């Protein structure tokens, strides 16, 4: 039996929540391995809707162990608020079903303020961040001045660590012409929340190794999408962590040999939130229609998503950089009634046709899509649970997507309902 990594194969918002929930029913452990509370998952279970930003999706299912790995940056106050929201919906959250890596980096108020200052400032490049402090927290982690969850267990030693952190941040604040942060305020911010988060702390690398050796099924849940990866995404319009499947090992403490199957999630079209290149973006009534029918608004921010045709070039690229074994194709039903449907198969760039998106920012901005037109279909795919319920032309569309991206479609989602899923291959079976 394979341990499974789920990653977004586009720019995020691909419908990972439903697929992860569908898989978590078979898993024993569900692990978040990167990102923070800037990425949202919406789960629909029966008549109950859960909106998660930080907690692994498995936390809403009884008998599952949810784990937040060391690759995640953790806002302790956001964590407490999310736990309380779930408890208000009848979900029990305790050490029995939630563990957090002791070496996870903390997001503080200094990070949130710095993020907002940069994003709303007049100079530089606007990235389109959620202003939740994710990037600045990762900067401190790499700069070796971050505070980690384990630091909350020794408040006597915390004073010196806060002073060290603020020697950097107050220099930045002086540059912005702002008042400096008081060390006591940061200390009090952390001391007040420590008793609420420390009960979940654990040496996650050891815990996961024990679970793996015991034969437990582990599901690694990625946030955002591979095209937002700090190395392999559309830099600088990316997130501040690695979102590729390889990060599941680094961000949890398990070796790469523990990963058996990589499932990429992709919409049957393309969306993006925030700034940055988007070769197949539609600025017409078709794009507006896709956005309206697909309810394309961000789970965390509520921001309207940009919409466009399926970009096979980009998904083919993420299949390779993330080692994707199979794709879960979502929201096929949003294309019902569109004819023709267009799929991007390459780009025109400086008089040539290329089959990948170059890494250079200026080249990405100039890339023009080369389209292949595919006949649309009559009738509805919404709610289909078998191939027999799909129009023949919809099946042809899926098969053509498989050919263009170089990976099979393992699951096909036809509505937000978890049971409206066509299974071709179970990732947990390797």
Protein backbone atom coordinates (compact mmCIF):
# COMPACT_ATOMS: atom_id res chain seq x y z
CA UNK A 1 0.00 0.00 0.00
CA UNK A 2 1.35 3.40 -1.01
CA UNK A 3 1.56 6.58 1.03
CA UNK A 4 0.08 9.35 -1.11
CA UNK A 5 1.09 12.97 -1.69
CA UNK A 6 -1.57 15.34 -3.03
CA UNK A 7 -0.41 18.54 -4.75
CA UNK A 8 -2.11 21.20 -6.81
CA UNK A 9 -1.00 20.93 -10.43
CA UNK A 10 -1.86 24.53 -11.32
CA UNK A 11 -1.89 27.79 -9.30
CA UNK A 12 -3.91 26.39 -6.40
CA UNK A 13 -7.68 26.32 -5.84
CA UNK A 14 -7.97 23.12 -7.89
CA UNK A 15 -10.39 21.40 -5.54
CA UNK A 16 -7.86 19.64 -3.32
CA UNK A 17 -10.20 19.79 -0.33
CA UNK A 18 -12.75 17.40 -1.78
CA UNK A 19 -10.13 15.00 -3.14
CA UNK A 20 -8.11 14.99 0.09
CA UNK A 21 -11.29 14.35 2.07
CA UNK A 22 -12.20 11.52 -0.29
CA UNK A 23 -8.74 9.98 0.22
CA UNK A 24 -8.58 10.70 3.95
CA UNK A 25 -11.38 8.21 4.54
CA UNK A 26 -8.86 5.55 3.53
CA UNK A 27 -5.89 7.12 5.34
CA UNK A 28 -4.86 6.78 8.98
CA UNK A 29 -2.72 9.93 9.11
CA UNK A 30 -3.12 13.22 7.17
CA UNK A 31 -0.10 15.55 7.09
CA UNK A 32 0.27 19.22 6.10
CA UNK A 33 3.88 19.77 5.00
CA UNK A 34 4.19 23.39 3.78
CA UNK A 35 2.52 26.78 3.65
CA UNK A 36 0.44 28.37 6.37
CA UNK A 37 -3.06 29.73 6.87
CA UNK A 38 -2.91 31.53 3.52
CA UNK A 39 -4.33 28.54 1.66
CA UNK A 40 -7.90 27.38 2.18
CA UNK A 41 -9.69 24.08 1.69
CA UNK A 42 -13.46 23.76 1.59
CA UNK A 43 -14.87 20.37 2.59
CA UNK A 44 -18.50 19.42 2.03
CA UNK A 45 -19.51 16.42 4.14
CA UNK A 46 -23.20 15.67 4.01
CA UNK A 47 -24.95 18.96 4.70
CA UNK A 48 -22.01 20.41 6.62
CA UNK A 49 -19.38 22.70 5.06
CA UNK A 50 -15.99 23.10 6.71
CA UNK A 51 -13.53 25.81 5.73
CA UNK A 52 -9.96 24.96 6.76
CA UNK A 53 -6.88 27.12 6.35
CA UNK A 54 -4.22 25.56 8.55
CA UNK A 55 -5.50 22.27 9.91
CA UNK A 56 -5.13 19.13 7.78
CA UNK A 57 -8.39 18.01 6.20
CA UNK A 58 -8.36 14.72 8.11
CA UNK A 59 -9.12 16.54 11.36
CA UNK A 60 -12.85 16.59 10.58
CA UNK A 61 -13.02 12.79 10.34
CA UNK A 62 -13.16 10.65 13.47
CA UNK A 63 -10.33 8.19 13.98
CA UNK A 64 -7.79 10.07 11.84
CA UNK A 65 -4.56 11.64 13.09
CA UNK A 66 -3.95 15.13 11.69
CA UNK A 67 -0.35 16.32 11.65
CA UNK A 68 1.15 19.76 10.98
CA UNK A 69 4.73 19.22 9.85
CA UNK A 70 7.88 21.28 10.29
CA UNK A 71 7.57 22.71 6.77
CA UNK A 72 4.48 24.69 7.80
CA UNK A 73 4.69 28.20 9.25
CA UNK A 74 2.26 28.38 12.14
CA UNK A 75 0.26 31.38 13.34
CA UNK A 76 -0.67 30.15 16.83
CA UNK A 77 -3.57 32.57 17.22
CA UNK A 78 -5.00 31.58 13.83
CA UNK A 79 -4.65 27.92 14.86
CA UNK A 80 -6.58 28.46 18.09
CA UNK A 81 -9.31 30.38 16.24
CA UNK A 82 -9.66 27.62 13.62
CA UNK A 83 -9.86 24.92 16.28
CA UNK A 84 -12.59 26.86 18.06
CA UNK A 85 -14.56 27.28 14.83
CA UNK A 86 -14.44 23.54 14.23
CA UNK A 87 -15.49 22.79 17.79
CA UNK A 88 -18.43 25.09 17.20
CA UNK A 89 -19.39 22.79 14.31
CA UNK A 90 -19.18 19.73 16.53
CA UNK A 91 -15.66 18.57 15.58
CA UNK A 92 -13.58 17.33 18.53
CA UNK A 93 -9.96 18.52 18.36
CA UNK A 94 -7.45 17.26 20.95
CA UNK A 95 -4.00 15.73 21.21
CA UNK A 96 -5.64 12.44 20.27
CA UNK A 97 -6.21 13.63 16.71
CA UNK A 98 -3.85 16.61 16.21
CA UNK A 99 -0.07 16.87 16.52
CA UNK A 100 2.19 19.76 15.53
CA UNK A 101 5.92 19.59 14.84
CA UNK A 102 7.96 21.06 17.70
CA UNK A 103 10.29 22.66 15.14
CA UNK A 104 7.55 24.43 13.14
CA UNK A 105 8.26 28.15 12.64
CA UNK A 106 5.85 30.63 14.24
CA UNK A 107 4.14 33.55 12.50
CA UNK A 108 3.99 36.66 14.71
CA UNK A 109 2.34 40.06 14.49
CA UNK A 110 5.64 41.50 13.21
CA UNK A 111 5.39 39.20 10.20
CA UNK A 112 1.79 40.13 9.41
CA UNK A 113 2.53 43.85 9.58
CA UNK A 114 5.65 43.56 7.42
CA UNK A 115 3.77 41.51 4.83
CA UNK A 116 1.03 44.15 4.60
CA UNK A 117 3.52 47.01 4.43
CA UNK A 118 5.35 45.47 1.50
CA UNK A 119 2.25 44.45 -0.42
CA UNK A 120 0.53 47.80 -0.08
CA UNK A 121 3.68 49.89 -0.58
CA UNK A 122 4.11 52.05 -3.63
CA UNK A 123 7.44 50.66 -4.83
CA UNK A 124 8.57 47.27 -6.02
CA UNK A 125 6.56 44.39 -7.44
CA UNK A 126 3.12 43.62 -6.11
CA UNK A 127 3.00 39.86 -5.60
CA UNK A 128 -0.62 39.46 -4.52
CA UNK A 129 0.01 37.90 -1.10
CA UNK A 130 -2.71 37.32 1.50
CA UNK A 131 -0.85 39.64 3.92
CA UNK A 132 -0.86 36.95 6.61
CA UNK A 133 2.84 37.01 7.35
CA UNK A 134 3.75 33.80 5.53
CA UNK A 135 6.68 35.16 3.50
CA UNK A 136 8.34 37.14 6.34
CA UNK A 137 8.08 34.09 8.62
CA UNK A 138 9.86 31.92 6.05
CA UNK A 139 12.49 34.67 5.67
CA UNK A 140 13.21 34.51 9.40
CA UNK A 141 13.37 30.73 9.23
CA UNK A 142 16.01 30.84 6.50
CA UNK A 143 17.74 33.73 8.29
CA UNK A 144 18.02 31.52 11.40
CA UNK A 145 16.34 33.97 13.72
CA UNK A 146 12.82 32.48 13.75
CA UNK A 147 10.91 31.45 16.82
CA UNK A 148 9.64 27.87 16.76
CA UNK A 149 6.84 26.10 18.59
CA UNK A 150 9.28 24.46 20.99
CA UNK A 151 10.42 27.93 22.14
CA UNK A 152 7.04 28.46 23.81
CA UNK A 153 7.85 25.64 26.25
CA UNK A 154 10.68 27.65 27.82
CA UNK A 155 9.45 31.17 28.48
CA UNK A 156 12.57 32.10 30.45
CA UNK A 157 14.75 31.57 27.38
CA UNK A 158 12.18 33.19 25.09
CA UNK A 159 13.09 36.76 26.09
CA UNK A 160 16.54 36.62 24.49
CA UNK A 161 15.17 35.01 21.32
CA UNK A 162 12.56 37.74 20.93
CA UNK A 163 15.25 40.42 21.35
CA UNK A 164 17.34 38.77 18.64
CA UNK A 165 14.37 38.61 16.27
CA UNK A 166 13.49 42.26 16.85
CA UNK A 167 17.02 43.46 16.20
CA UNK A 168 16.26 42.58 12.58
CA UNK A 169 12.61 43.62 12.39
CA UNK A 170 13.00 46.94 14.16
CA UNK A 171 15.72 47.93 11.70
CA UNK A 172 13.20 47.29 8.91
CA UNK A 173 10.51 49.26 10.73
CA UNK A 174 12.84 52.21 11.11
CA UNK A 175 13.32 52.08 7.36
CA UNK A 176 9.56 52.33 6.92
CA UNK A 177 9.47 55.25 9.37
CA UNK A 178 7.43 53.24 11.89
CA UNK A 179 7.68 52.87 15.63
CA UNK A 180 9.70 49.89 16.83
CA UNK A 181 8.12 46.80 18.33
CA UNK A 182 8.52 46.36 22.07
CA UNK A 183 10.00 43.01 23.06
CA UNK A 184 7.56 42.74 25.95
CA UNK A 185 4.57 42.98 23.60
CA UNK A 186 5.85 40.10 21.45
CA UNK A 187 6.65 38.04 24.53
CA UNK A 188 3.16 38.60 25.94
CA UNK A 189 1.63 37.75 22.54
CA UNK A 190 3.32 34.35 22.67
CA UNK A 191 3.00 33.64 26.38
CA UNK A 192 -0.76 34.15 26.21
CA UNK A 193 -1.26 31.53 23.52
CA UNK A 194 1.38 29.00 24.62
CA UNK A 195 -0.90 26.96 26.93
CA UNK A 196 -3.41 26.54 24.11
CA UNK A 197 -1.00 25.19 21.48
CA UNK A 198 1.71 23.34 23.43
CA UNK A 199 -0.51 20.32 24.18
CA UNK A 200 -0.36 19.43 20.47
CA UNK A 201 3.46 19.62 20.21
CA UNK A 202 5.37 16.49 19.24
CA UNK A 203 8.52 15.25 17.50
CA UNK A 204 6.60 14.71 14.30
CA UNK A 205 9.45 13.10 12.34
CA UNK A 206 9.60 10.31 14.93
CA UNK A 207 5.83 9.96 15.18
CA UNK A 208 5.43 9.61 11.42
CA UNK A 209 8.24 7.08 11.21
CA UNK A 210 6.51 4.99 13.86
CA UNK A 211 3.19 5.22 12.01
CA UNK A 212 4.83 4.22 8.74
CA UNK A 213 6.59 1.24 10.32
CA UNK A 214 3.29 0.17 11.82
CA UNK A 215 1.82 -0.04 8.33
CA UNK A 216 -0.42 2.99 8.65
CA UNK A 217 -1.56 4.78 5.49
CA UNK A 218 -0.23 8.34 5.36
CA UNK A 219 -1.72 11.08 3.19
CA UNK A 220 0.43 14.18 2.63
CA UNK A 221 -1.71 17.22 1.91
CA UNK A 222 -0.17 20.06 -0.08
CA UNK A 223 -1.40 23.62 -0.04
CA UNK A 224 -1.61 26.01 -3.02
CA UNK A 225 -0.21 24.69 -6.32
CA UNK A 226 3.06 23.66 -7.96
CA UNK A 227 3.03 26.77 -10.16
CA UNK A 228 3.37 28.81 -6.95
CA UNK A 229 6.50 26.92 -5.87
CA UNK A 230 9.33 29.23 -4.79
CA UNK A 231 11.73 27.46 -7.20
CA UNK A 232 9.54 25.98 -9.92
CA UNK A 233 6.68 28.47 -10.05
CA UNK A 234 6.11 31.74 -11.91
CA UNK A 235 8.67 33.65 -9.84
CA UNK A 236 8.41 36.20 -8.27
CA UNK A 237 4.62 35.76 -8.29
CA UNK A 238 4.85 32.70 -6.08
CA UNK A 239 4.45 31.64 -2.47
CA UNK A 240 7.39 31.45 -0.06
CA UNK A 241 7.65 27.67 0.24
CA UNK A 242 8.25 24.66 -1.98
CA UNK A 243 4.88 23.29 -3.07
CA UNK A 244 6.20 20.38 -5.18
CA UNK A 245 5.70 16.82 -3.96
CA UNK A 246 9.33 16.50 -2.88
CA UNK A 247 8.58 18.93 -0.04
CA UNK A 248 6.37 16.27 1.57
CA UNK A 249 9.53 14.53 2.73
CA UNK A 250 11.42 17.66 3.81
CA UNK A 251 8.41 19.29 5.44
CA UNK A 252 7.44 16.26 7.52
CA UNK A 253 10.73 14.61 8.43
CA UNK A 254 10.09 11.38 6.55
CA UNK A 255 12.51 10.27 3.86
CA UNK A 256 11.48 10.35 0.19
CA UNK A 257 11.28 6.57 0.17
CA UNK A 258 8.10 6.86 2.24
CA UNK A 259 6.25 8.43 -0.70
CA UNK A 260 4.57 5.90 -2.94
CA UNK A 261 2.19 7.83 -5.20
CA UNK A 262 1.89 11.50 -6.20
CA UNK A 263 -1.58 12.68 -7.13
CA UNK A 264 -1.86 16.04 -8.86
CA UNK A 265 -5.13 17.98 -8.78
CA UNK A 266 -6.08 20.02 -11.84
CA UNK A 267 -9.23 21.80 -12.93
CA UNK A 268 -10.62 21.11 -16.39
CA UNK A 269 -9.85 24.80 -17.00
CA UNK A 270 -7.37 27.18 -15.31
CA UNK A 271 -7.67 29.78 -12.55
CA UNK A 272 -5.31 32.06 -10.71
CA UNK A 273 -5.64 34.39 -7.72
CA UNK A 274 -3.42 37.44 -7.44
CA UNK A 275 -0.78 38.84 -9.74
CA UNK A 276 1.49 37.17 -12.27
CA UNK A 277 1.50 35.67 -15.78
CA UNK A 278 -1.50 33.69 -17.00
CA UNK A 279 -1.17 32.87 -20.73
CA UNK A 280 -4.66 31.40 -21.21
CA UNK A 281 -6.56 34.01 -19.18
CA UNK A 282 -9.90 35.01 -20.68
CA UNK A 283 -11.13 38.61 -20.46
CA UNK A 284 -14.42 37.97 -22.23
CA UNK A 285 -17.88 36.62 -21.47
CA UNK A 286 -16.59 33.04 -21.60
CA UNK A 287 -14.13 33.77 -18.80
CA UNK A 288 -16.84 35.54 -16.82
CA UNK A 289 -19.18 32.62 -17.37
CA UNK A 290 -16.63 30.06 -16.19
CA UNK A 291 -15.96 32.14 -13.08
CA UNK A 292 -19.65 32.50 -12.28
CA UNK A 293 -20.55 28.86 -12.85
CA UNK A 294 -17.44 27.64 -11.05
CA UNK A 295 -17.98 30.02 -8.10
CA UNK A 296 -14.40 31.14 -8.44
CA UNK A 297 -13.74 33.10 -5.29
CA UNK A 298 -10.87 32.42 -2.87
CA UNK A 299 -11.67 30.35 0.25
CA UNK A 300 -9.40 32.44 2.49
CA UNK A 301 -9.55 35.92 0.95
CA UNK A 302 -12.79 35.92 -1.03
CA UNK A 303 -10.86 37.39 -3.96
CA UNK A 304 -12.25 36.79 -7.44
CA UNK A 305 -10.16 34.27 -9.37
CA UNK A 306 -8.91 34.92 -12.88
CA UNK A 307 -10.22 32.27 -15.30
CA UNK A 308 -8.98 30.80 -18.56
CA UNK A 309 -8.75 27.71 -20.77
CA UNK A 310 -6.92 24.57 -19.67
CA UNK A 311 -3.17 25.00 -20.11
CA UNK A 312 -1.72 21.58 -20.93
CA UNK A 313 1.79 23.04 -21.20
CA UNK A 314 1.83 24.12 -17.57
CA UNK A 315 0.24 20.94 -16.22
CA UNK A 316 2.68 18.84 -18.25
CA UNK A 317 5.47 20.87 -16.64
CA UNK A 318 4.12 20.28 -13.11
CA UNK A 319 3.72 16.57 -13.83
CA UNK A 320 7.47 16.48 -14.37
CA UNK A 321 8.66 18.80 -11.58
CA UNK A 322 6.47 17.05 -8.99
CA UNK A 323 6.79 13.49 -10.26
CA UNK A 324 3.00 13.24 -10.60
CA UNK A 325 1.78 9.67 -11.17
CA UNK A 326 -1.85 10.51 -11.85
CA UNK A 327 -4.23 13.46 -12.03
CA UNK A 328 -7.54 14.14 -10.32
CA UNK A 329 -9.39 16.27 -12.85
CA UNK A 330 -12.01 18.49 -11.20
CA UNK A 331 -14.89 20.72 -12.30
CA UNK A 332 -15.44 19.05 -15.64
CA UNK A 333 -19.12 20.01 -15.33
CA UNK A 334 -18.27 23.73 -15.58
CA UNK A 335 -17.42 23.15 -19.25
CA UNK A 336 -20.86 21.69 -20.02
CA UNK A 337 -22.40 23.49 -23.00
CA UNK A 338 -19.24 25.25 -24.17
CA UNK A 339 -18.43 24.62 -27.82
CA UNK A 340 -15.74 24.67 -28.93
CA UNK A 341 -13.44 24.15 -25.95
CA UNK A 342 -9.87 25.33 -26.32
CA UNK A 343 -6.74 23.78 -24.80
CA UNK A 344 -3.30 25.39 -24.81
CA UNK A 345 -0.69 23.06 -26.35
CA UNK A 346 2.28 25.45 -26.67
CA UNK A 347 3.36 29.10 -26.63
CA UNK A 348 4.48 31.57 -29.25
CA UNK A 349 7.50 33.41 -27.94
CA UNK A 350 9.71 35.75 -29.97
CA UNK A 351 8.62 34.20 -33.26
CA UNK A 352 9.09 30.60 -32.14
CA UNK A 353 6.79 27.94 -30.69
CA UNK A 354 7.94 26.48 -27.37
CA UNK A 355 6.50 23.59 -25.34
CA UNK A 356 7.29 24.89 -21.84
CA UNK A 357 6.99 28.11 -19.85
CA UNK A 358 10.43 29.73 -19.52
CA UNK A 359 11.64 30.70 -16.03
CA UNK A 360 12.36 34.35 -16.93
CA UNK A 361 9.69 36.79 -15.78
CA UNK A 362 9.74 38.91 -18.95
CA UNK A 363 9.51 35.81 -21.17
CA UNK A 364 6.55 34.49 -19.17
CA UNK A 365 4.76 37.81 -19.66
CA UNK A 366 5.28 37.66 -23.46
CA UNK A 367 4.23 34.02 -23.95
CA UNK A 368 1.13 33.74 -26.14
CA UNK A 369 -0.94 30.53 -26.08
CA UNK A 370 -1.21 28.19 -29.05
CA UNK A 371 -4.64 26.58 -28.92
CA UNK A 372 -6.15 23.33 -30.07
CA UNK A 373 -9.93 23.36 -30.42
CA UNK A 374 -11.91 20.42 -29.09
CA UNK A 375 -15.58 19.84 -29.79
CA UNK A 376 -17.78 20.49 -26.77
CA UNK A 377 -20.67 18.31 -25.62
CA UNK A 378 -24.39 18.52 -25.13
CA UNK A 379 -25.95 17.37 -21.90
CA UNK A 380 -24.60 17.50 -18.38
CA UNK A 381 -21.65 15.86 -16.67
CA UNK A 382 -22.67 17.25 -13.27
CA UNK A 383 -22.99 14.54 -10.66
CA UNK A 384 -21.77 11.73 -12.92
CA UNK A 385 -20.33 8.78 -11.02
CA UNK A 386 -19.33 6.48 -13.89
CA UNK A 387 -17.94 6.76 -17.41
CA UNK A 388 -21.28 5.51 -18.74
CA UNK A 389 -22.97 8.67 -17.45
CA UNK A 390 -20.63 10.98 -19.38
CA UNK A 391 -21.28 12.30 -22.90
CA UNK A 392 -18.94 10.67 -25.42
CA UNK A 393 -17.33 14.01 -26.29
CA UNK A 394 -16.59 14.71 -22.61
CA UNK A 395 -14.72 11.41 -22.45
CA UNK A 396 -12.76 12.44 -25.56
CA UNK A 397 -11.83 15.70 -23.85
CA UNK A 398 -10.49 13.85 -20.79
CA UNK A 399 -8.52 11.42 -22.98
CA UNK A 400 -6.99 14.30 -24.94
CA UNK A 401 -5.97 16.03 -21.72
CA UNK A 402 -4.22 12.82 -20.63
CA UNK A 403 -2.27 12.69 -23.90
CA UNK A 404 -1.20 16.33 -23.68
CA UNK A 405 -0.03 16.30 -20.04
CA UNK A 406 1.63 12.90 -20.09
CA UNK A 407 -0.23 11.48 -17.10
CA UNK A 408 -3.40 9.44 -16.64
CA UNK A 409 -6.54 10.79 -15.01
CA UNK A 410 -6.91 8.69 -11.86
CA UNK A 411 -10.02 10.44 -10.54
CA UNK A 412 -12.64 12.62 -12.20
CA UNK A 413 -14.71 15.01 -10.08
CA UNK A 414 -18.07 16.19 -11.41
CA UNK A 415 -19.39 18.30 -8.52
CA UNK A 416 -18.34 19.52 -5.05
CA UNK A 417 -20.09 16.50 -3.50
CA UNK A 418 -17.52 13.90 -2.47
CA UNK A 419 -19.50 10.97 -3.94
CA UNK A 420 -19.72 12.62 -7.37
CA UNK A 421 -16.34 11.15 -8.26
CA UNK A 422 -15.35 8.67 -10.96
CA UNK A 423 -12.46 6.47 -9.83
CA UNK A 424 -10.12 4.99 -12.43
CA UNK A 425 -7.23 4.23 -10.10
CA UNK A 426 -6.97 4.29 -6.29
CA UNK A 427 -3.73 6.10 -5.37
CA UNK A 428 -3.42 4.13 -2.12
CA UNK A 429 -3.04 0.95 -4.17
CA UNK A 430 0.18 2.31 -5.69
